Amino acid sequence: MSVLFIEYPKCTTCQKAKKWLDAHKVEYKDRHIKDDRPTAEELTEWHKKSGLPLKRFFNTSGQLYRSMGLKDKLEDMSEEEQINLLATDGMLVKRPILITEHCVLTGFKESEWEKTL
């Protein structure tokens, strides 16, 4: 199974997720979300594959999200505008993101990951 793990290395949740992957001997390709941010095309594909609401792809607890006042702005933006905004800065994107052939998971919930992998 091909697994892409997108993370921000300083994020403690990402560190926990990475330890979990290593402990469960899951092979993955690691990608730094700030240095190699997801493109609008990738985000569109992942959003469709995930079946999740687009809001789940936003890092709602991040400083950038709050400083931009996105809580109040997102509902007035189209899906395309939201995806293009996410693609401008990796720090806006919820992390970690785990992408497999069959699914996309945002954030780290051990029970979800256990069930999926």
C-alpha atoms as a PDB file:
ATOM      1  CA  MET A   1       0.000   0.000   0.000  1.00  0.00           C
ATOM      2  CA  SER A   2       1.301   3.426  -0.946  1.00  0.00           C
ATOM      3  CA  VAL A   3       1.017   5.929   1.917  1.00  0.00           C
ATOM      4  CA  LEU A   4       1.795   9.651   1.872  1.00  0.00           C
ATOM      5  CA  PHE A   5       2.232  11.296   5.274  1.00  0.00           C
ATOM      6  CA  ILE A   6       2.041  15.076   5.204  1.00  0.00           C
ATOM      7  CA  GLU A   7       3.243  16.757   8.354  1.00  0.00           C
ATOM      8  CA  TYR A   8       4.697  19.798  10.036  1.00  0.00           C
ATOM      9  CA  PRO A   9       7.630  18.306  11.994  1.00  0.00           C
ATOM     10  CA  LYS A  10       7.302  20.720  14.955  1.00  0.00           C
ATOM     11  CA  CYS A  11       3.630  19.764  15.446  1.00  0.00           C
ATOM     12  CA  THR A  12       3.230  17.427  18.439  1.00  0.00           C
ATOM     13  CA  THR A  13       0.195  15.728  16.888  1.00  0.00           C
ATOM     14  CA  CYS A  14       2.244  15.011  13.759  1.00  0.00           C
ATOM     15  CA  GLN A  15       5.038  13.606  15.936  1.00  0.00           C
ATOM     16  CA  LYS A  16       2.559  11.276  17.691  1.00  0.00           C
ATOM     17  CA  ALA A  17       1.152  10.167  14.342  1.00  0.00           C
ATOM     18  CA  LYS A  18       4.622   9.458  12.982  1.00  0.00           C
ATOM     19  CA  LYS A  19       5.507   7.392  16.064  1.00  0.00           C
ATOM     20  CA  TRP A  20       2.255   5.470  15.591  1.00  0.00           C
ATOM     21  CA  LEU A  21       3.081   4.755  11.927  1.00  0.00           C
ATOM     22  CA  ASP A  22       6.583   3.595  12.863  1.00  0.00           C
ATOM     23  CA  ALA A  23       5.314   1.425  15.740  1.00  0.00           C
ATOM     24  CA  HIS A  24       2.805  -0.224  13.395  1.00  0.00           C
ATOM     25  CA  LYS A  25       5.493  -0.693  10.713  1.00  0.00           C
ATOM     26  CA  VAL A  26       3.573   1.313   8.127  1.00  0.00           C
ATOM     27  CA  GLU A  27       5.817   2.361   5.268  1.00  0.00           C
ATOM     28  CA  TYR A  28       5.201   5.914   4.142  1.00  0.00           C
ATOM     29  CA  LYS A  29       6.617   8.792   2.185  1.00  0.00           C
ATOM     30  CA  ASP A  30       7.086  11.843   4.404  1.00  0.00           C
ATOM     31  CA  ARG A  31       6.327  15.362   3.156  1.00  0.00           C
ATOM     32  CA  HIS A  32       6.822  18.686   4.966  1.00  0.00           C
ATOM     33  CA  ILE A  33       3.597  20.701   4.619  1.00  0.00           C
ATOM     34  CA  LYS A  34       5.284  24.105   4.763  1.00  0.00           C
ATOM     35  CA  ASP A  35       8.217  23.366   2.440  1.00  0.00           C
ATOM     36  CA  ASP A  36       6.182  21.355  -0.063  1.00  0.00           C
ATOM     37  CA  ARG A  37       2.645  22.633   0.390  1.00  0.00           C
ATOM     38  CA  PRO A  38      -0.269  20.816  -1.219  1.00  0.00           C
ATOM     39  CA  THR A  39      -1.419  22.163  -4.573  1.00  0.00           C
ATOM     40  CA  ALA A  40      -5.017  23.099  -5.351  1.00  0.00           C
ATOM     41  CA  GLU A  41      -5.215  20.025  -7.597  1.00  0.00           C
ATOM     42  CA  GLU A  42      -4.014  17.709  -4.821  1.00  0.00           C
ATOM     43  CA  LEU A  43      -6.362  19.273  -2.294  1.00  0.00           C
ATOM     44  CA  THR A  44      -9.298  18.890  -4.683  1.00  0.00           C
ATOM     45  CA  GLU A  45      -8.473  15.226  -5.238  1.00  0.00           C
ATOM     46  CA  TRP A  46      -7.964  14.534  -1.523  1.00  0.00           C
ATOM     47  CA  HIS A  47     -11.172  16.325  -0.594  1.00  0.00           C
ATOM     48  CA  LYS A  48     -13.181  14.196  -3.042  1.00  0.00           C
ATOM     49  CA  LYS A  49     -11.459  10.992  -1.948  1.00  0.00           C
ATOM     50  CA  SER A  50     -11.950  11.732   1.753  1.00  0.00           C
ATOM     51  CA  GLY A  51     -15.700  12.311   1.714  1.00  0.00           C
ATOM     52  CA  LEU A  52     -15.096  14.907   4.454  1.00  0.00           C
ATOM     53  CA  PRO A  53     -16.460  18.441   4.552  1.00  0.00           C
ATOM     54  CA  LEU A  54     -13.876  20.872   3.164  1.00  0.00           C
ATOM     55  CA  LYS A  55     -13.725  22.660   6.531  1.00  0.00           C
ATOM     56  CA  ARG A  56     -11.978  19.549   7.940  1.00  0.00           C
ATOM     57  CA  PHE A  57      -8.979  20.426   5.767  1.00  0.00           C
ATOM     58  CA  PHE A  58      -8.484  23.770   7.523  1.00  0.00           C
ATOM     59  CA  ASN A  59      -6.203  24.071  10.542  1.00  0.00           C
ATOM     60  CA  THR A  60      -8.862  25.884  12.576  1.00  0.00           C
ATOM     61  CA  SER A  61      -6.647  26.079  15.656  1.00  0.00           C
ATOM     62  CA  GLY A  62      -3.737  27.659  13.775  1.00  0.00           C
ATOM     63  CA  GLN A  63      -2.572  31.229  14.220  1.00  0.00           C
ATOM     64  CA  LEU A  64      -2.869  32.033  10.531  1.00  0.00           C
ATOM     65  CA  TYR A  65      -6.471  30.791  10.371  1.00  0.00           C
ATOM     66  CA  ARG A  66      -7.382  32.977  13.346  1.00  0.00           C
ATOM     67  CA  SER A  67      -5.442  36.050  12.229  1.00  0.00           C
ATOM     68  CA  MET A  68      -7.155  35.934   8.825  1.00  0.00           C
ATOM     69  CA  GLY A  69     -10.582  35.699  10.481  1.00  0.00           C
ATOM     70  CA  LEU A  70     -11.456  32.664   8.376  1.00  0.00           C
ATOM     71  CA  LYS A  71     -14.076  31.358  10.794  1.00  0.00           C
ATOM     72  CA  ASP A  72     -16.434  34.061   9.564  1.00  0.00           C
ATOM     73  CA  LYS A  73     -15.249  34.173   5.948  1.00  0.00           C
ATOM     74  CA  LEU A  74     -15.335  30.510   4.851  1.00  0.00           C
ATOM     75  CA  GLU A  75     -19.110  30.189   4.599  1.00  0.00           C
ATOM     76  CA  ASP A  76     -19.194  33.013   2.022  1.00  0.00           C
ATOM     77  CA  MET A  77     -16.434  31.447  -0.098  1.00  0.00           C
ATOM     78  CA  SER A  78     -16.957  28.906  -2.869  1.00  0.00           C
ATOM     79  CA  GLU A  79     -15.321  25.488  -2.622  1.00  0.00           C
ATOM     80  CA  GLU A  80     -12.839  26.520  -5.320  1.00  0.00           C
ATOM     81  CA  GLU A  81     -11.922  29.698  -3.424  1.00  0.00           C
ATOM     82  CA  GLN A  82     -11.412  27.713  -0.222  1.00  0.00           C
ATOM     83  CA  ILE A  83      -9.174  25.177  -1.962  1.00  0.00           C
ATOM     84  CA  ASN A  84      -7.144  27.933  -3.628  1.00  0.00           C
ATOM     85  CA  LEU A  85      -6.739  29.607  -0.230  1.00  0.00           C
ATOM     86  CA  LEU A  86      -5.559  26.338   1.360  1.00  0.00           C
ATOM     87  CA  ALA A  87      -2.992  25.973  -1.424  1.00  0.00           C
ATOM     88  CA  THR A  88      -1.422  29.364  -0.629  1.00  0.00           C
ATOM     89  CA  ASP A  89       0.083  28.326   2.708  1.00  0.00           C
ATOM     90  CA  GLY A  90       0.666  24.887   4.216  1.00  0.00           C
ATOM     91  CA  MET A  91       0.042  26.305   7.681  1.00  0.00           C
ATOM     92  CA  LEU A  92      -3.649  26.754   6.810  1.00  0.00           C
ATOM     93  CA  VAL A  93      -3.999  23.017   6.198  1.00  0.00           C
ATOM     94  CA  LYS A  94      -5.015  20.576   8.944  1.00  0.00           C
ATOM     95  CA  ARG A  95      -2.252  18.167   9.734  1.00  0.00           C
ATOM     96  CA  PRO A  96      -1.174  15.529   9.633  1.00  0.00           C
ATOM     97  CA  ILE A  97      -2.787  14.262   6.446  1.00  0.00           C
ATOM     98  CA  LEU A  98      -2.523  10.606   5.579  1.00  0.00           C
ATOM     99  CA  ILE A  99      -3.244   9.650   1.987  1.00  0.00           C
ATOM    100  CA  THR A 100      -3.563   6.042   0.867  1.00  0.00           C
ATOM    101  CA  GLU A 101      -4.852   4.508  -2.346  1.00  0.00           C
ATOM    102  CA  HIS A 102      -8.337   4.294  -0.853  1.00  0.00           C
ATOM    103  CA  CYS A 103      -8.723   7.086   1.682  1.00  0.00           C
ATOM    104  CA  VAL A 104      -7.588  10.394   3.117  1.00  0.00           C
ATOM    105  CA  LEU A 105      -7.426  11.105   6.851  1.00  0.00           C
ATOM    106  CA  THR A 106      -6.969  14.567   8.349  1.00  0.00           C
ATOM    107  CA  GLY A 107      -5.648  15.005  11.867  1.00  0.00           C
ATOM    108  CA  PHE A 108      -4.585  12.090  14.030  1.00  0.00           C
ATOM    109  CA  LYS A 109      -7.247   9.975  15.667  1.00  0.00           C
ATOM    110  CA  GLU A 110      -5.635   6.687  16.596  1.00  0.00           C
ATOM    111  CA  SER A 111      -8.893   4.700  16.326  1.00  0.00           C
ATOM    112  CA  GLU A 112      -9.524   6.011  12.784  1.00  0.00           C
ATOM    113  CA  TRP A 113      -5.999   5.226  11.703  1.00  0.00           C
ATOM    114  CA  GLU A 114      -6.167   1.759  13.286  1.00  0.00           C
ATOM    115  CA  LYS A 115      -9.378   0.975  11.414  1.00  0.00           C
ATOM    116  CA  THR A 116      -8.047   2.322   8.111  1.00  0.00           C
ATOM    117  CA  LEU A 117      -4.565   0.840   8.167  1.00  0.00           C
END
